[in-house]
Amino acid sequence: MTTETQSMEQSVRYGVDSKTFAEFVDYAQANPDDVQFELSAKGYWEGRAFHTLSKIGPYSLGGETIDRETRDYTFPFGAHKEVEAAMGFVGPDDRPEVIETALAALSGCLSHVISLHLAAEGLEVETLETTVRIPWDPFVALDIDDTETRDGTLRDQFGELDIEIHVGGESVTEETIERVRSAARRSAVYNLISLAHFAEPSVEKIAADSTVD
């Protein structure tokens, strides 16, 4: 085995070349505009209440739009079979609920940033599991409660978000735990759902047989 090969193997951790990653971070710091994202998705109603086919849309990186057929990821959203049956749906189906997929996205994002931090810091772990839970009152979604409270603020449909992160391995120390806790706060999805981001739906009429690009 050559010295160069040995050096490469030593620099790769959890599938990431730490040398290349460090160079990327340096470039990003020097050229922040080149690494800014704009992400998108689109939902197509399927003609049945609660059923939507959502697709990941093009994204832009550093102002350049990237759109290719291999990124045609689709997600069939709906409701739980028991819920559809109770609500009177004909032929109740069983699909992932959109909130469940949001929680799944959060669990994945937490794992992403933590594992990247572990790779960059050279920390050894054997297992990493993230679990997220949240209580949901569906009265607003079911049009039983108003969308706003008496003082005009948007009604909160959820209780406290519970996030559990379990890290396993003989080399895991209290310092590892603290670093994992700190890294978790770097999650983009955690940031998205924890902070207020202004959003006002824009509703426009289009022809019944057309779609918006």
N, C-alpha and C. Protein backbone atom coordinates (compact mmCIF):
# COMPACT_ATOMS: atom_id res chain seq x y z
N MET A 1 0.84 -1.19 0.00
CA MET A 1 0.00 0.00 0.00
C MET A 1 0.88 1.25 0.00
N THR A 2 0.63 2.17 -0.91
CA THR A 2 1.45 3.37 -1.02
C THR A 2 1.15 4.34 0.11
N THR A 3 2.10 5.25 0.34
CA THR A 3 1.91 6.27 1.38
C THR A 3 0.71 7.15 1.06
N GLU A 4 0.53 7.45 -0.25
CA GLU A 4 -0.59 8.29 -0.67
C GLU A 4 -1.92 7.61 -0.38
N THR A 5 -1.99 6.29 -0.64
CA THR A 5 -3.22 5.55 -0.37
C THR A 5 -3.51 5.50 1.12
N GLN A 6 -2.47 5.29 1.93
CA GLN A 6 -2.65 5.25 3.37
C GLN A 6 -3.15 6.60 3.89
N SER A 7 -2.57 7.68 3.34
CA SER A 7 -2.99 9.02 3.75
C SER A 7 -4.45 9.26 3.40
N MET A 8 -4.87 8.80 2.22
CA MET A 8 -6.26 8.97 1.79
C MET A 8 -7.20 8.21 2.71
N GLU A 9 -6.86 6.96 3.06
CA GLU A 9 -7.72 6.16 3.93
C GLU A 9 -7.84 6.79 5.32
N GLN A 10 -6.75 7.37 5.80
CA GLN A 10 -6.77 7.98 7.12
C GLN A 10 -7.61 9.26 7.14
N SER A 11 -7.69 9.95 5.99
CA SER A 11 -8.43 11.21 5.94
C SER A 11 -9.92 11.00 5.71
N VAL A 12 -10.31 9.79 5.28
CA VAL A 12 -11.72 9.50 5.02
C VAL A 12 -12.37 8.93 6.27
N ARG A 13 -13.47 9.58 6.69
CA ARG A 13 -14.20 9.12 7.87
C ARG A 13 -15.68 9.23 7.59
N TYR A 14 -16.41 8.14 7.79
CA TYR A 14 -17.85 8.08 7.51
C TYR A 14 -18.15 8.50 6.07
N GLY A 15 -17.26 8.14 5.15
CA GLY A 15 -17.49 8.42 3.73
C GLY A 15 -17.15 9.83 3.30
N VAL A 16 -16.49 10.61 4.15
CA VAL A 16 -16.14 11.99 3.82
C VAL A 16 -14.63 12.16 3.89
N ASP A 17 -14.05 12.74 2.85
CA ASP A 17 -12.63 13.07 2.86
C ASP A 17 -12.46 14.37 3.62
N SER A 18 -11.90 14.30 4.81
CA SER A 18 -11.82 15.47 5.68
C SER A 18 -10.98 16.58 5.07
N LYS A 19 -9.97 16.23 4.28
CA LYS A 19 -9.13 17.25 3.64
C LYS A 19 -9.94 18.04 2.62
N THR A 20 -10.69 17.33 1.78
CA THR A 20 -11.52 17.99 0.78
C THR A 20 -12.61 18.81 1.44
N PHE A 21 -13.20 18.29 2.52
CA PHE A 21 -14.24 19.02 3.23
C PHE A 21 -13.70 20.32 3.81
N ALA A 22 -12.52 20.26 4.39
CA ALA A 22 -11.90 21.46 4.96
C ALA A 22 -11.64 22.49 3.86
N GLU A 23 -11.22 22.04 2.68
CA GLU A 23 -11.00 22.96 1.55
C GLU A 23 -12.31 23.59 1.11
N PHE A 24 -13.39 22.79 1.12
CA PHE A 24 -14.71 23.31 0.76
C PHE A 24 -15.17 24.38 1.74
N VAL A 25 -14.96 24.14 3.02
CA VAL A 25 -15.34 25.11 4.04
C VAL A 25 -14.57 26.41 3.86
N ASP A 26 -13.28 26.31 3.58
CA ASP A 26 -12.47 27.50 3.34
C ASP A 26 -12.99 28.28 2.14
N TYR A 27 -13.35 27.55 1.08
CA TYR A 27 -13.87 28.21 -0.12
C TYR A 27 -15.20 28.89 0.18
N ALA A 28 -16.07 28.20 0.93
CA ALA A 28 -17.38 28.76 1.26
C ALA A 28 -17.23 30.04 2.08
N GLN A 29 -16.30 30.05 3.01
CA GLN A 29 -16.09 31.24 3.83
C GLN A 29 -15.60 32.42 2.99
N ALA A 30 -14.77 32.11 1.98
CA ALA A 30 -14.22 33.16 1.14
C ALA A 30 -15.20 33.59 0.04
N ASN A 31 -16.13 32.69 -0.32
CA ASN A 31 -17.07 32.96 -1.41
C ASN A 31 -18.49 32.58 -0.99
N PRO A 32 -19.06 33.26 -0.01
CA PRO A 32 -20.36 32.86 0.54
C PRO A 32 -21.49 32.86 -0.48
N ASP A 33 -21.47 33.76 -1.46
CA ASP A 33 -22.55 33.82 -2.44
C ASP A 33 -22.59 32.57 -3.31
N ASP A 34 -21.47 31.89 -3.46
CA ASP A 34 -21.41 30.71 -4.33
C ASP A 34 -22.05 29.48 -3.71
N VAL A 35 -22.35 29.52 -2.42
CA VAL A 35 -22.90 28.33 -1.76
C VAL A 35 -24.26 28.59 -1.13
N GLN A 36 -24.97 29.61 -1.64
CA GLN A 36 -26.32 29.88 -1.16
C GLN A 36 -27.33 29.08 -1.98
N PHE A 37 -28.30 28.49 -1.30
CA PHE A 37 -29.30 27.63 -1.94
C PHE A 37 -30.67 28.33 -2.03
N GLU A 38 -31.44 27.92 -3.02
CA GLU A 38 -32.89 28.13 -3.02
C GLU A 38 -33.51 26.79 -3.37
N LEU A 39 -34.33 26.26 -2.48
CA LEU A 39 -34.91 24.93 -2.62
C LEU A 39 -36.39 25.04 -2.95
N SER A 40 -36.96 24.03 -3.60
CA SER A 40 -38.36 24.11 -3.99
C SER A 40 -39.01 22.72 -4.04
N ALA A 41 -40.32 22.73 -3.95
CA ALA A 41 -41.12 21.51 -4.09
C ALA A 41 -42.50 21.93 -4.59
N LYS A 42 -43.22 21.00 -5.20
CA LYS A 42 -44.54 21.30 -5.73
C LYS A 42 -45.48 20.14 -5.41
N GLY A 43 -46.71 20.48 -5.01
CA GLY A 43 -47.70 19.46 -4.69
C GLY A 43 -48.82 19.45 -5.72
N TYR A 44 -49.17 18.27 -6.21
CA TYR A 44 -50.25 18.10 -7.19
C TYR A 44 -51.40 17.34 -6.51
N TRP A 45 -52.52 18.01 -6.35
CA TRP A 45 -53.68 17.36 -5.75
C TRP A 45 -54.17 16.25 -6.68
N GLU A 46 -54.55 15.11 -6.10
CA GLU A 46 -54.93 13.94 -6.89
C GLU A 46 -56.44 13.79 -7.04
N GLY A 47 -57.20 14.82 -6.65
CA GLY A 47 -58.65 14.75 -6.81
C GLY A 47 -59.36 14.05 -5.68
N ARG A 48 -58.64 13.63 -4.67
CA ARG A 48 -59.21 12.97 -3.51
C ARG A 48 -58.73 13.74 -2.28
N ALA A 49 -59.64 14.07 -1.39
CA ALA A 49 -59.26 14.85 -0.22
C ALA A 49 -58.09 14.20 0.51
N PHE A 50 -57.17 15.03 0.95
CA PHE A 50 -55.99 14.61 1.71
C PHE A 50 -54.93 13.93 0.87
N HIS A 51 -55.17 13.71 -0.42
CA HIS A 51 -54.20 13.00 -1.25
C HIS A 51 -53.48 13.97 -2.18
N THR A 52 -52.18 14.04 -2.03
CA THR A 52 -51.35 14.94 -2.83
C THR A 52 -50.08 14.22 -3.24
N LEU A 53 -49.68 14.41 -4.49
CA LEU A 53 -48.41 13.90 -4.96
C LEU A 53 -47.45 15.08 -5.01
N SER A 54 -46.50 15.11 -4.11
CA SER A 54 -45.53 16.20 -4.04
C SER A 54 -44.24 15.79 -4.71
N LYS A 55 -43.63 16.75 -5.39
CA LYS A 55 -42.38 16.49 -6.10
C LYS A 55 -41.32 17.51 -5.71
N ILE A 56 -40.09 17.01 -5.58
CA ILE A 56 -38.96 17.90 -5.36
C ILE A 56 -38.71 18.66 -6.65
N GLY A 57 -38.58 19.98 -6.55
CA GLY A 57 -38.39 20.80 -7.73
C GLY A 57 -36.93 21.13 -7.97
N PRO A 58 -36.67 21.94 -8.98
CA PRO A 58 -35.29 22.39 -9.25
C PRO A 58 -34.76 23.17 -8.05
N TYR A 59 -33.46 23.22 -7.93
CA TYR A 59 -32.86 24.05 -6.90
C TYR A 59 -31.79 24.92 -7.53
N SER A 60 -31.45 25.99 -6.83
CA SER A 60 -30.37 26.84 -7.32
C SER A 60 -29.24 26.83 -6.31
N LEU A 61 -28.03 26.85 -6.83
CA LEU A 61 -26.82 26.88 -6.01
C LEU A 61 -25.93 28.00 -6.54
N GLY A 62 -25.71 28.99 -5.68
CA GLY A 62 -24.90 30.12 -6.10
C GLY A 62 -25.51 30.88 -7.26
N GLY A 63 -26.85 30.89 -7.34
CA GLY A 63 -27.54 31.61 -8.41
C GLY A 63 -27.72 30.80 -9.67
N GLU A 64 -27.17 29.58 -9.74
CA GLU A 64 -27.31 28.72 -10.92
C GLU A 64 -28.40 27.68 -10.69
N THR A 65 -29.40 27.64 -11.58
CA THR A 65 -30.49 26.69 -11.44
C THR A 65 -30.05 25.31 -11.91
N ILE A 66 -30.34 24.30 -11.11
CA ILE A 66 -29.99 22.92 -11.43
C ILE A 66 -31.27 22.10 -11.47
N ASP A 67 -31.55 21.52 -12.64
CA ASP A 67 -32.78 20.75 -12.84
C ASP A 67 -32.47 19.59 -13.76
N ARG A 68 -32.56 18.37 -13.25
CA ARG A 68 -32.29 17.19 -14.08
C ARG A 68 -33.30 16.09 -13.76
N GLU A 69 -33.56 15.25 -14.73
CA GLU A 69 -34.61 14.23 -14.61
C GLU A 69 -34.33 13.24 -13.48
N THR A 70 -33.06 13.00 -13.18
CA THR A 70 -32.74 12.03 -12.13
C THR A 70 -33.12 12.51 -10.74
N ARG A 71 -33.48 13.79 -10.60
CA ARG A 71 -33.92 14.33 -9.31
C ARG A 71 -35.44 14.41 -9.23
N ASP A 72 -36.13 13.58 -10.01
CA ASP A 72 -37.59 13.58 -10.01
C ASP A 72 -38.10 12.71 -8.86
N TYR A 73 -37.91 13.19 -7.64
CA TYR A 73 -38.34 12.45 -6.45
C TYR A 73 -39.79 12.82 -6.13
N THR A 74 -40.62 11.82 -5.91
CA THR A 74 -42.04 12.06 -5.62
C THR A 74 -42.43 11.45 -4.28
N PHE A 75 -43.43 12.07 -3.64
CA PHE A 75 -43.88 11.62 -2.33
C PHE A 75 -45.41 11.61 -2.32
N PRO A 76 -46.04 10.43 -2.21
CA PRO A 76 -47.50 10.36 -2.13
C PRO A 76 -47.99 10.59 -0.71
N PHE A 77 -48.54 11.76 -0.44
CA PHE A 77 -49.00 12.10 0.90
C PHE A 77 -50.50 11.83 1.04
N GLY A 78 -50.91 11.53 2.26
CA GLY A 78 -52.33 11.31 2.52
C GLY A 78 -52.60 11.26 4.00
N ALA A 79 -53.36 10.25 4.41
CA ALA A 79 -53.72 10.14 5.83
C ALA A 79 -53.67 8.68 6.25
N HIS A 80 -53.80 8.47 7.55
CA HIS A 80 -53.84 7.12 8.09
C HIS A 80 -55.15 6.44 7.70
N LYS A 81 -55.10 5.16 7.45
CA LYS A 81 -56.29 4.41 7.02
C LYS A 81 -57.42 4.52 8.04
N GLU A 82 -57.08 4.42 9.32
CA GLU A 82 -58.09 4.49 10.37
C GLU A 82 -58.76 5.86 10.41
N VAL A 83 -57.96 6.90 10.15
CA VAL A 83 -58.51 8.26 10.15
C VAL A 83 -59.44 8.46 8.96
N GLU A 84 -59.01 7.99 7.79
CA GLU A 84 -59.87 8.12 6.60
C GLU A 84 -61.18 7.38 6.80
N ALA A 85 -61.12 6.19 7.38
CA ALA A 85 -62.34 5.42 7.62
C ALA A 85 -63.28 6.17 8.56
N ALA A 86 -62.73 6.75 9.63
CA ALA A 86 -63.56 7.47 10.59
C ALA A 86 -64.16 8.73 9.98
N MET A 87 -63.48 9.33 9.01
CA MET A 87 -63.96 10.57 8.40
C MET A 87 -64.94 10.33 7.26
N GLY A 88 -65.13 9.06 6.88
CA GLY A 88 -66.10 8.75 5.84
C GLY A 88 -65.52 8.62 4.45
N PHE A 89 -64.21 8.45 4.34
CA PHE A 89 -63.61 8.25 3.02
C PHE A 89 -64.08 6.92 2.43
N VAL A 90 -64.41 6.93 1.15
CA VAL A 90 -64.78 5.70 0.46
C VAL A 90 -63.50 4.95 0.08
N GLY A 91 -63.39 3.69 0.51
CA GLY A 91 -62.18 2.94 0.23
C GLY A 91 -60.98 3.56 0.91
N PRO A 92 -60.96 3.65 2.25
CA PRO A 92 -59.87 4.30 2.96
C PRO A 92 -58.50 3.73 2.59
N ASP A 93 -57.57 4.64 2.39
CA ASP A 93 -56.21 4.29 2.00
C ASP A 93 -55.29 4.51 3.19
N ASP A 94 -54.03 4.15 3.03
CA ASP A 94 -53.07 4.37 4.11
C ASP A 94 -51.80 4.95 3.51
N ARG A 95 -51.58 6.24 3.79
CA ARG A 95 -50.42 6.94 3.25
C ARG A 95 -49.68 7.68 4.36
N PRO A 96 -48.43 8.06 4.11
CA PRO A 96 -47.73 8.87 5.09
C PRO A 96 -48.44 10.21 5.27
N GLU A 97 -48.63 10.61 6.51
CA GLU A 97 -49.21 11.91 6.81
C GLU A 97 -48.11 12.96 6.65
N VAL A 98 -48.48 14.13 6.12
CA VAL A 98 -47.46 15.14 5.82
C VAL A 98 -46.65 15.53 7.06
N ILE A 99 -47.29 15.57 8.22
CA ILE A 99 -46.56 15.94 9.44
C ILE A 99 -45.56 14.87 9.80
N GLU A 100 -45.93 13.61 9.59
CA GLU A 100 -44.99 12.52 9.86
C GLU A 100 -43.75 12.65 8.98
N THR A 101 -43.95 13.04 7.73
CA THR A 101 -42.80 13.18 6.83
C THR A 101 -41.95 14.39 7.22
N ALA A 102 -42.59 15.42 7.77
CA ALA A 102 -41.82 16.55 8.28
C ALA A 102 -40.95 16.12 9.45
N LEU A 103 -41.50 15.26 10.32
CA LEU A 103 -40.72 14.73 11.43
C LEU A 103 -39.60 13.83 10.92
N ALA A 104 -39.90 13.05 9.89
CA ALA A 104 -38.87 12.19 9.30
C ALA A 104 -37.74 13.04 8.71
N ALA A 105 -38.12 14.15 8.07
CA ALA A 105 -37.12 15.06 7.51
C ALA A 105 -36.25 15.64 8.62
N LEU A 106 -36.86 15.99 9.75
CA LEU A 106 -36.10 16.52 10.87
C LEU A 106 -35.14 15.47 11.41
N SER A 107 -35.61 14.24 11.55
CA SER A 107 -34.73 13.18 12.07
C SER A 107 -33.56 12.96 11.13
N GLY A 108 -33.83 12.99 9.81
CA GLY A 108 -32.75 12.81 8.84
C GLY A 108 -31.78 13.97 8.85
N CYS A 109 -32.29 15.19 8.94
CA CYS A 109 -31.43 16.37 8.93
C CYS A 109 -30.54 16.41 10.16
N LEU A 110 -31.08 16.04 11.31
CA LEU A 110 -30.27 15.98 12.52
C LEU A 110 -29.13 14.98 12.35
N SER A 111 -29.45 13.83 11.79
CA SER A 111 -28.43 12.81 11.55
C SER A 111 -27.37 13.31 10.57
N HIS A 112 -27.81 14.07 9.55
CA HIS A 112 -26.88 14.59 8.54
C HIS A 112 -25.84 15.50 9.18
N VAL A 113 -26.30 16.51 9.90
CA VAL A 113 -25.35 17.50 10.42
C VAL A 113 -24.48 16.90 11.53
N ILE A 114 -25.06 16.01 12.32
CA ILE A 114 -24.27 15.40 13.38
C ILE A 114 -23.18 14.52 12.80
N SER A 115 -23.54 13.67 11.82
CA SER A 115 -22.55 12.77 11.23
C SER A 115 -21.46 13.54 10.50
N LEU A 116 -21.82 14.66 9.86
CA LEU A 116 -20.81 15.47 9.18
C LEU A 116 -19.86 16.09 10.22
N HIS A 117 -20.42 16.52 11.35
CA HIS A 117 -19.60 17.07 12.42
C HIS A 117 -18.68 16.00 12.99
N LEU A 118 -19.19 14.79 13.16
CA LEU A 118 -18.36 13.70 13.67
C LEU A 118 -17.20 13.41 12.73
N ALA A 119 -17.49 13.44 11.42
CA ALA A 119 -16.44 13.19 10.43
C ALA A 119 -15.39 14.29 10.46
N ALA A 120 -15.85 15.54 10.54
CA ALA A 120 -14.92 16.67 10.53
C ALA A 120 -14.05 16.70 11.78
N GLU A 121 -14.63 16.29 12.92
CA GLU A 121 -13.90 16.35 14.19
C GLU A 121 -13.16 15.06 14.50
N GLY A 122 -13.33 14.04 13.66
CA GLY A 122 -12.64 12.78 13.88
C GLY A 122 -13.14 12.01 15.09
N LEU A 123 -14.44 12.15 15.39
CA LEU A 123 -15.02 11.47 16.54
C LEU A 123 -15.54 10.09 16.13
N GLU A 124 -15.26 9.08 16.95
CA GLU A 124 -15.65 7.71 16.66
C GLU A 124 -16.97 7.35 17.35
N VAL A 125 -17.97 6.98 16.57
CA VAL A 125 -19.21 6.43 17.11
C VAL A 125 -19.61 5.22 16.25
N GLU A 126 -20.41 4.35 16.83
CA GLU A 126 -20.85 3.15 16.11
C GLU A 126 -22.31 3.26 15.68
N THR A 127 -23.11 3.92 16.48
CA THR A 127 -24.53 4.09 16.13
C THR A 127 -24.97 5.51 16.43
N LEU A 128 -25.92 5.97 15.62
CA LEU A 128 -26.51 7.30 15.80
C LEU A 128 -27.99 7.18 15.44
N GLU A 129 -28.86 7.43 16.41
CA GLU A 129 -30.30 7.34 16.19
C GLU A 129 -30.97 8.62 16.65
N THR A 130 -31.88 9.14 15.83
CA THR A 130 -32.62 10.35 16.18
C THR A 130 -34.11 10.03 16.16
N THR A 131 -34.81 10.42 17.20
CA THR A 131 -36.25 10.20 17.31
C THR A 131 -36.93 11.53 17.62
N VAL A 132 -37.98 11.87 16.87
CA VAL A 132 -38.72 13.10 17.12
C VAL A 132 -40.20 12.78 17.25
N ARG A 133 -40.86 13.46 18.20
CA ARG A 133 -42.29 13.27 18.44
C ARG A 133 -42.92 14.62 18.71
N ILE A 134 -44.21 14.74 18.37
CA ILE A 134 -44.92 15.97 18.69
C ILE A 134 -46.42 15.69 18.78
N PRO A 135 -47.10 16.21 19.80
CA PRO A 135 -48.56 16.08 19.86
C PRO A 135 -49.23 17.09 18.93
N TRP A 136 -50.30 16.67 18.28
CA TRP A 136 -50.97 17.50 17.28
C TRP A 136 -52.47 17.54 17.55
N ASP A 137 -53.02 18.75 17.63
CA ASP A 137 -54.46 18.95 17.73
C ASP A 137 -54.96 19.29 16.32
N PRO A 138 -55.74 18.41 15.67
CA PRO A 138 -56.11 18.61 14.27
C PRO A 138 -57.33 19.52 14.05
N PHE A 139 -57.83 20.17 15.09
CA PHE A 139 -59.08 20.93 14.95
C PHE A 139 -58.99 22.04 13.90
N VAL A 140 -57.84 22.71 13.79
CA VAL A 140 -57.71 23.76 12.78
C VAL A 140 -57.72 23.13 11.39
N ALA A 141 -56.96 22.06 11.20
CA ALA A 141 -56.90 21.39 9.89
C ALA A 141 -58.26 20.85 9.47
N LEU A 142 -59.09 20.45 10.45
CA LEU A 142 -60.41 19.90 10.16
C LEU A 142 -61.50 20.98 10.09
N ASP A 143 -61.09 22.24 10.18
CA ASP A 143 -62.01 23.37 10.08
C ASP A 143 -62.99 23.41 11.25
N ILE A 144 -62.57 22.91 12.40
CA ILE A 144 -63.37 22.97 13.62
C ILE A 144 -63.03 24.23 14.42
N ASP A 145 -61.74 24.54 14.49
CA ASP A 145 -61.28 25.78 15.12
C ASP A 145 -60.88 26.79 14.05
N ASP A 146 -60.92 28.06 14.42
CA ASP A 146 -60.45 29.11 13.51
C ASP A 146 -58.93 29.07 13.40
N THR A 147 -58.42 29.61 12.31
CA THR A 147 -56.97 29.63 12.11
C THR A 147 -56.28 30.61 13.05
N GLU A 148 -57.03 31.59 13.56
CA GLU A 148 -56.44 32.59 14.44
C GLU A 148 -57.13 32.59 15.81
N THR A 149 -56.40 33.02 16.82
CA THR A 149 -56.96 33.16 18.15
C THR A 149 -57.68 34.50 18.24
N ARG A 150 -58.28 34.81 19.39
CA ARG A 150 -59.05 36.05 19.52
C ARG A 150 -58.20 37.30 19.33
N ASP A 151 -56.92 37.21 19.65
CA ASP A 151 -56.06 38.40 19.50
C ASP A 151 -55.47 38.50 18.09
N GLY A 152 -55.88 37.60 17.17
CA GLY A 152 -55.46 37.70 15.78
C GLY A 152 -54.18 36.96 15.44
N THR A 153 -53.57 36.27 16.41
CA THR A 153 -52.36 35.52 16.12
C THR A 153 -52.71 34.13 15.59
N LEU A 154 -51.81 33.57 14.82
CA LEU A 154 -52.04 32.24 14.24
C LEU A 154 -52.12 31.20 15.35
N ARG A 155 -53.15 30.37 15.32
CA ARG A 155 -53.34 29.36 16.37
C ARG A 155 -52.30 28.26 16.25
N ASP A 156 -51.66 27.94 17.34
CA ASP A 156 -50.65 26.88 17.36
C ASP A 156 -51.35 25.53 17.45
N GLN A 157 -51.08 24.65 16.49
CA GLN A 157 -51.73 23.34 16.46
C GLN A 157 -50.95 22.27 17.22
N PHE A 158 -49.75 22.62 17.68
CA PHE A 158 -48.87 21.59 18.22
C PHE A 158 -48.45 21.85 19.65
N GLY A 159 -48.04 20.75 20.31
CA GLY A 159 -47.45 20.85 21.63
C GLY A 159 -45.94 20.95 21.51
N GLU A 160 -45.24 20.55 22.56
CA GLU A 160 -43.79 20.65 22.57
C GLU A 160 -43.18 19.56 21.69
N LEU A 161 -42.17 19.95 20.90
CA LEU A 161 -41.45 19.01 20.05
C LEU A 161 -40.40 18.28 20.89
N ASP A 162 -40.46 16.96 20.89
CA ASP A 162 -39.53 16.14 21.67
C ASP A 162 -38.49 15.54 20.72
N ILE A 163 -37.22 15.82 20.98
CA ILE A 163 -36.13 15.31 20.14
C ILE A 163 -35.20 14.48 21.01
N GLU A 164 -34.99 13.22 20.63
CA GLU A 164 -34.07 12.34 21.34
C GLU A 164 -32.97 11.89 20.39
N ILE A 165 -31.73 11.98 20.84
CA ILE A 165 -30.58 11.56 20.04
C ILE A 165 -29.78 10.56 20.85
N HIS A 166 -29.58 9.38 20.30
CA HIS A 166 -28.83 8.34 20.98
C HIS A 166 -27.55 8.04 20.20
N VAL A 167 -26.44 8.09 20.89
CA VAL A 167 -25.13 7.84 20.28
C VAL A 167 -24.48 6.67 20.99
N GLY A 168 -24.04 5.67 20.22
CA GLY A 168 -23.44 4.48 20.81
C GLY A 168 -22.02 4.24 20.33
N GLY A 169 -21.24 3.58 21.17
CA GLY A 169 -19.87 3.24 20.80
C GLY A 169 -18.94 3.31 22.00
N GLU A 170 -17.92 2.48 22.01
CA GLU A 170 -16.99 2.43 23.14
C GLU A 170 -16.24 3.74 23.32
N SER A 171 -16.06 4.48 22.22
CA SER A 171 -15.28 5.72 22.29
C SER A 171 -16.12 6.94 22.64
N VAL A 172 -17.43 6.75 22.83
CA VAL A 172 -18.31 7.89 23.14
C VAL A 172 -18.08 8.36 24.57
N THR A 173 -17.77 9.64 24.72
CA THR A 173 -17.52 10.24 26.02
C THR A 173 -18.51 11.38 26.26
N GLU A 174 -18.42 11.99 27.43
CA GLU A 174 -19.27 13.15 27.73
C GLU A 174 -18.97 14.29 26.76
N GLU A 175 -17.71 14.41 26.36
CA GLU A 175 -17.35 15.43 25.39
C GLU A 175 -18.02 15.16 24.05
N THR A 176 -18.08 13.88 23.66
CA THR A 176 -18.76 13.51 22.42
C THR A 176 -20.22 13.92 22.49
N ILE A 177 -20.87 13.64 23.61
CA ILE A 177 -22.28 13.97 23.80
C ILE A 177 -22.49 15.47 23.65
N GLU A 178 -21.63 16.27 24.26
CA GLU A 178 -21.76 17.72 24.18
C GLU A 178 -21.58 18.21 22.75
N ARG A 179 -20.65 17.61 22.03
CA ARG A 179 -20.42 18.01 20.64
C ARG A 179 -21.61 17.63 19.76
N VAL A 180 -22.20 16.47 20.04
CA VAL A 180 -23.38 16.04 19.29
C VAL A 180 -24.54 16.99 19.57
N ARG A 181 -24.72 17.37 20.83
CA ARG A 181 -25.79 18.29 21.21
C ARG A 181 -25.62 19.63 20.49
N SER A 182 -24.40 20.11 20.42
CA SER A 182 -24.11 21.37 19.74
C SER A 182 -24.33 21.24 18.24
N ALA A 183 -23.90 20.11 17.67
CA ALA A 183 -24.04 19.91 16.22
C ALA A 183 -25.50 19.83 15.81
N ALA A 184 -26.35 19.27 16.67
CA ALA A 184 -27.77 19.11 16.34
C ALA A 184 -28.43 20.46 16.07
N ARG A 185 -27.97 21.49 16.72
CA ARG A 185 -28.55 22.82 16.54
C ARG A 185 -28.18 23.43 15.19
N ARG A 186 -27.29 22.76 14.45
CA ARG A 186 -26.93 23.22 13.11
C ARG A 186 -27.88 22.69 12.05
N SER A 187 -28.81 21.83 12.43
CA SER A 187 -29.75 21.23 11.48
C SER A 187 -30.60 22.29 10.80
N ALA A 188 -30.64 22.25 9.47
CA ALA A 188 -31.44 23.22 8.71
C ALA A 188 -32.93 23.04 8.98
N VAL A 189 -33.40 21.81 9.06
CA VAL A 189 -34.82 21.57 9.32
C VAL A 189 -35.19 21.99 10.74
N TYR A 190 -34.30 21.75 11.69
CA TYR A 190 -34.51 22.21 13.06
C TYR A 190 -34.66 23.73 13.07
N ASN A 191 -33.82 24.41 12.31
CA ASN A 191 -33.89 25.87 12.21
C ASN A 191 -35.20 26.30 11.56
N LEU A 192 -35.60 25.58 10.53
CA LEU A 192 -36.83 25.92 9.79
C LEU A 192 -38.06 25.86 10.67
N ILE A 193 -38.15 24.83 11.51
CA ILE A 193 -39.36 24.65 12.31
C ILE A 193 -39.27 25.34 13.68
N SER A 194 -38.07 25.71 14.11
CA SER A 194 -37.92 26.31 15.44
C SER A 194 -38.01 27.83 15.41
N LEU A 195 -37.68 28.45 14.28
CA LEU A 195 -37.71 29.89 14.18
C LEU A 195 -38.85 30.34 13.27
N ALA A 196 -39.26 31.57 13.46
CA ALA A 196 -40.34 32.12 12.63
C ALA A 196 -39.78 32.56 11.27
N HIS A 197 -40.35 32.03 10.20
CA HIS A 197 -39.98 32.43 8.85
C HIS A 197 -41.24 32.93 8.16
N PHE A 198 -41.24 34.20 7.75
CA PHE A 198 -42.44 34.80 7.20
C PHE A 198 -42.92 34.02 5.98
N ALA A 199 -44.21 33.74 5.94
CA ALA A 199 -44.80 33.04 4.80
C ALA A 199 -46.27 33.43 4.68
N GLU A 200 -46.65 33.99 3.57
CA GLU A 200 -48.04 34.33 3.29
C GLU A 200 -48.41 33.69 1.97
N PRO A 201 -49.33 32.70 1.97
CA PRO A 201 -49.69 32.02 0.72
C PRO A 201 -50.19 32.99 -0.35
N SER A 202 -49.70 32.81 -1.56
CA SER A 202 -50.17 33.57 -2.71
C SER A 202 -51.08 32.66 -3.53
N VAL A 203 -52.34 33.04 -3.68
CA VAL A 203 -53.34 32.21 -4.36
C VAL A 203 -53.74 32.87 -5.66
N GLU A 204 -53.58 32.14 -6.77
CA GLU A 204 -53.91 32.66 -8.08
C GLU A 204 -54.73 31.63 -8.86
N LYS A 205 -55.59 32.11 -9.76
CA LYS A 205 -56.39 31.24 -10.59
C LYS A 205 -55.66 30.89 -11.87
N ILE A 206 -55.68 29.60 -12.25
CA ILE A 206 -55.11 29.16 -13.52
C ILE A 206 -56.15 28.29 -14.23
N ALA A 207 -55.91 28.00 -15.50
CA ALA A 207 -56.82 27.12 -16.24
C ALA A 207 -56.84 25.74 -15.60
N ALA A 208 -58.01 25.10 -15.67
CA ALA A 208 -58.19 23.82 -15.00
C ALA A 208 -57.23 22.74 -15.50
N ASP A 209 -56.83 22.82 -16.78
CA ASP A 209 -55.98 21.78 -17.36
C ASP A 209 -54.52 22.19 -17.46
N SER A 210 -54.13 23.21 -16.71
CA SER A 210 -52.74 23.69 -16.81
C SER A 210 -52.05 23.53 -15.49
N THR A 211 -50.71 23.61 -15.53
CA THR A 211 -49.89 23.59 -14.33
C THR A 211 -48.94 24.77 -14.37
N VAL A 212 -48.40 25.11 -13.21
CA VAL A 212 -47.49 26.25 -13.11
C VAL A 212 -46.07 25.70 -13.02
N ASP A 213 -45.21 26.16 -13.89
CA ASP A 213 -43.81 25.73 -13.87
C ASP A 213 -43.05 26.43 -12.73
